[in-house]
Protein backbone atom coordinates (compact mmCIF):
# COMPACT_ATOMS: atom_id res chain seq x y z
CA MET A 1 133.25 293.51 107.50
CA THR A 2 131.18 295.40 109.91
CA VAL A 3 132.03 295.41 113.52
CA THR A 4 129.22 295.76 116.08
CA VAL A 5 130.22 297.14 119.28
CA GLN A 6 127.94 296.95 122.44
CA ARG A 7 128.15 298.65 125.63
CA LEU A 8 128.35 296.22 128.65
CA ASN A 9 126.97 296.17 132.06
CA GLU A 10 127.38 294.72 135.36
CA GLY A 11 126.03 291.13 134.23
CA ALA A 12 129.03 291.06 131.74
CA ARG A 13 131.58 290.81 134.48
CA ALA A 14 132.30 287.14 134.23
CA ALA A 15 132.41 287.46 130.49
CA LEU A 16 135.34 290.10 130.61
CA THR A 17 137.09 288.07 133.22
CA GLU A 18 137.01 285.37 130.42
CA HIS A 19 138.25 287.35 127.94
CA PHE A 20 141.07 288.98 129.86
CA LEU A 21 142.10 285.58 130.98
CA ALA A 22 141.76 284.60 127.43
CA LEU A 23 144.53 286.87 126.39
CA PRO A 24 148.40 285.20 126.16
CA PRO A 25 150.20 286.08 129.40
CA GLU A 26 152.58 288.87 127.25
CA ASP A 27 149.38 290.28 125.83
CA ARG A 28 147.84 290.66 129.13
CA ARG A 29 151.22 292.29 130.30
CA LEU A 30 150.98 294.78 127.50
CA ARG A 31 147.12 295.59 128.20
CA PHE A 32 147.68 296.23 132.02
CA GLY A 33 151.32 297.21 132.01
CA ALA A 34 152.12 294.43 134.47
CA SER A 35 151.82 290.55 134.34
CA LEU A 36 148.45 289.71 135.96
CA GLY A 37 147.20 286.45 136.91
CA PRO A 38 143.57 285.28 137.73
CA GLU A 39 143.33 287.02 140.91
CA GLY A 40 144.81 290.56 139.74
CA VAL A 41 142.30 290.07 136.57
CA ALA A 42 139.38 289.20 139.23
CA THR A 43 140.30 292.49 141.12
CA TYR A 44 140.44 294.58 138.08
CA VAL A 45 137.32 293.22 136.58
CA GLY A 46 135.50 293.62 140.39
CA GLY A 47 136.62 297.18 140.58
CA ILE A 48 135.26 298.41 137.34
CA ASP A 49 132.29 301.05 138.15
CA PHE A 50 129.87 300.54 135.29
CA ASP A 51 127.95 303.72 136.22
CA ARG A 52 131.07 305.89 136.17
CA ASP A 53 132.92 304.38 133.33
CA ALA A 54 131.85 302.81 129.96
CA VAL A 55 132.97 299.68 128.94
CA PHE A 56 132.20 298.26 125.38
CA GLY A 57 132.67 294.90 123.89
CA VAL A 58 132.97 292.89 120.39
CA HIS A 59 131.12 289.56 120.57
CA ASP A 60 131.59 286.73 118.17
CA ASP A 61 128.97 284.39 116.67
CA ARG A 62 129.18 282.42 119.95
CA LEU A 63 128.69 285.26 122.21
CA ALA A 64 132.29 285.32 123.67
CA ILE A 65 133.64 288.86 124.06
CA VAL A 66 136.84 288.93 121.63
CA GLY A 67 137.65 292.85 122.06
CA VAL A 68 137.11 295.39 124.92
CA ALA A 69 137.72 298.89 125.54
CA HIS A 70 137.47 300.53 129.03
CA VAL A 71 136.54 304.19 129.17
CA GLY A 72 137.65 305.72 132.52
CA PHE A 73 136.18 309.22 132.87
CA GLY A 74 138.07 312.32 134.63
CA ASP A 75 137.16 315.99 135.09
CA ASP A 76 137.55 316.83 131.28
CA SER A 77 139.44 313.87 129.77
CA ALA A 78 138.77 310.07 129.46
CA GLU A 79 141.36 307.32 129.48
CA LEU A 80 141.11 304.06 127.19
CA GLY A 81 142.31 300.97 127.54
CA LEU A 82 142.06 298.53 124.55
CA SER A 83 142.64 294.53 124.29
CA VAL A 84 141.57 292.36 121.44
CA LEU A 85 142.11 288.37 121.11
CA PRO A 86 145.27 287.32 118.95
CA ALA A 87 142.87 285.25 116.42
CA HIS A 88 140.54 288.45 115.68
CA ARG A 89 143.10 291.02 115.27
CA GLY A 90 143.82 292.70 111.68
CA ARG A 91 139.83 292.51 111.25
CA GLY A 92 138.98 296.18 112.34
CA VAL A 93 137.81 295.24 115.90
CA GLY A 94 140.69 297.31 117.76
CA SER A 95 139.60 300.54 115.58
CA ALA A 96 136.00 300.00 115.98
CA LEU A 97 136.28 300.01 119.55
CA PHE A 98 138.36 302.93 119.39
CA GLU A 99 135.90 304.86 117.57
CA ARG A 100 133.17 303.80 119.85
CA ALA A 101 134.92 305.11 122.76
CA ALA A 102 135.86 308.43 121.14
CA ALA A 103 132.21 308.93 120.24
CA HIS A 104 131.04 308.03 123.70
CA ALA A 105 133.70 310.48 125.33
CA ARG A 106 132.87 313.39 122.99
CA ASN A 107 129.25 312.97 123.93
CA ARG A 108 129.85 312.91 127.56
CA PHE A 109 131.54 316.65 126.79
CA MET A 110 135.30 315.28 127.08
CA SER A 111 137.62 317.53 125.53
CA THR A 112 140.59 314.94 125.17
CA LEU A 113 140.99 311.12 124.68
CA PHE A 114 144.00 309.60 126.44
CA MET A 115 145.87 306.22 126.47
CA HIS A 116 148.80 305.28 128.29
CA CYS A 117 150.59 301.86 127.30
CA LEU A 118 154.03 300.43 127.19
CA ALA A 119 156.12 301.75 124.27
CA GLU A 120 156.72 298.12 122.75
CA ASN A 121 152.58 297.49 122.59
CA ALA A 122 153.07 298.04 118.94
CA ALA A 123 149.32 297.12 118.56
CA ILE A 124 148.20 300.22 120.46
CA MET A 125 150.83 302.57 118.71
CA HIS A 126 149.48 301.60 115.51
CA ILE A 127 145.78 302.46 116.55
CA ALA A 128 147.28 305.61 118.07
CA GLN A 129 149.15 306.84 114.81
CA ARG A 130 146.08 305.69 112.84
CA PHE A 131 143.92 307.74 114.60
CA GLY A 132 146.33 310.75 114.55
CA MET A 133 146.81 310.86 118.38
CA HIS A 134 149.71 312.80 119.81
CA ILE A 135 152.21 310.43 121.10
CA VAL A 136 154.84 310.91 123.75
CA THR A 137 157.43 308.16 124.59
CA ASP A 138 159.41 308.27 127.78
CA ALA A 139 161.54 305.36 129.73
CA GLY A 140 159.59 302.87 127.77
CA ASP A 141 156.15 304.20 128.48
CA ALA A 142 153.96 305.78 125.83
CA ASP A 143 151.25 308.59 126.36
CA ALA A 144 148.81 309.31 123.58
CA HIS A 145 146.36 312.01 123.09
CA LEU A 146 143.19 313.04 120.89
CA GLN A 147 141.39 316.31 121.00
CA LEU A 148 138.02 315.59 120.55
CA PRO A 149 135.67 318.02 118.79
CA PRO A 150 132.46 319.19 120.84
CA ALA A 151 129.43 316.87 121.12
CA SER A 152 126.59 317.51 118.41
CA PRO A 153 123.10 316.66 117.82
CA ALA A 154 124.18 314.37 115.06
CA SER A 155 126.87 312.71 117.26
CA ILE A 156 124.54 312.15 120.11
CA THR A 157 121.96 310.76 117.64
CA GLY A 158 124.53 308.30 116.07
CA GLU A 159 125.71 306.90 119.17
CA PHE A 160 121.96 306.33 120.22
CA VAL A 161 121.26 304.44 116.69
CA ALA A 162 124.65 302.74 117.37
CA ASP A 163 123.61 301.33 120.65
CA ARG A 164 120.02 300.29 119.02
CA PHE A 165 121.86 298.47 116.39
CA ALA A 166 124.35 296.61 118.74
CA LEU A 167 121.27 295.30 120.85
CA TYR A 168 119.60 294.19 117.61
CA ASP A 169 123.01 292.25 116.39
CA TYR A 170 123.46 290.75 119.76
CA ALA A 171 119.91 289.41 119.95
CA LEU A 172 120.11 287.97 116.44
CA LYS A 173 123.32 286.01 117.34
CA ALA A 174 121.73 284.83 120.80
CA GLN A 175 119.00 283.38 118.64
CA VAL A 176 121.15 281.67 116.02
CA ALA A 177 123.75 280.44 118.66
CA ALA A 178 120.50 279.16 120.54
CA TRP A 179 119.25 277.18 117.47
CA THR A 180 123.11 275.97 116.88
CA ASN A 181 123.12 274.24 120.34
CA VAL A 182 119.20 272.88 119.79
CA ASN A 183 120.48 271.53 116.56
CA ALA A 184 123.67 269.97 118.03
CA ALA A 185 121.90 268.27 120.80
CA LEU A 186 119.12 266.64 118.31
CA GLU A 187 121.88 265.59 116.29
CA GLY A 188 123.92 263.95 119.08
CA ALA A 189 120.65 262.66 120.46
CA ALA A 190 120.07 260.92 116.92
CA ALA A 191 123.73 259.75 116.72
CA VAL A 192 122.59 257.34 119.83
CA PRO A 193 122.21 253.81 118.90
CA GLU A 194 118.82 252.14 119.89
CA PRO A 195 119.22 249.28 122.06
CA ASN A 196 118.65 246.18 120.62
CA GLN A 197 115.91 243.61 122.04
CA ALA A 198 118.88 241.54 124.07
CA ASN A 199 119.91 244.87 125.95
CA ALA A 200 116.28 245.79 126.57
CA ALA A 201 115.72 242.51 127.90
């Protein structure tokens, strides 16, 4: 199954907040390293600088965000945070987000992609191992590093094409969702019984 990853902008803050709050409390603790409630999540999302950082999302057919990658940039390295809703795990969403984030960091001339997580975060550790990251664990924490190849004309073109395809995919999903809502409304209206003569009088 092809997983389409779209770069998100300022307009996605509410959807991002909804995504993080949809994570079970334990998953939220693993994602952020601490148990964040609604206020903490709102503070985190409100502090994202979409001009400096890059945020990527995977949408389902209802346009809800089911997976997120947040890439924060330093001088020559980029830090990646990942989250995927439980019902959508095991479908390649996390891997697609990782690959998209790594490609973006590479094309921004970062030499290293970095992930920090709790060592008990099995899902993230699995992704780190799958992509050959160098992992160091210490006192319950894990740091994973991946050396990125230099950007190339092919990698930059590939990212451009991926962005265009993601916009097309989102537009298509939006159109299908709109028609689904219209059909549901029409079916609901048709199910309402006609008032009889007595009620009409």
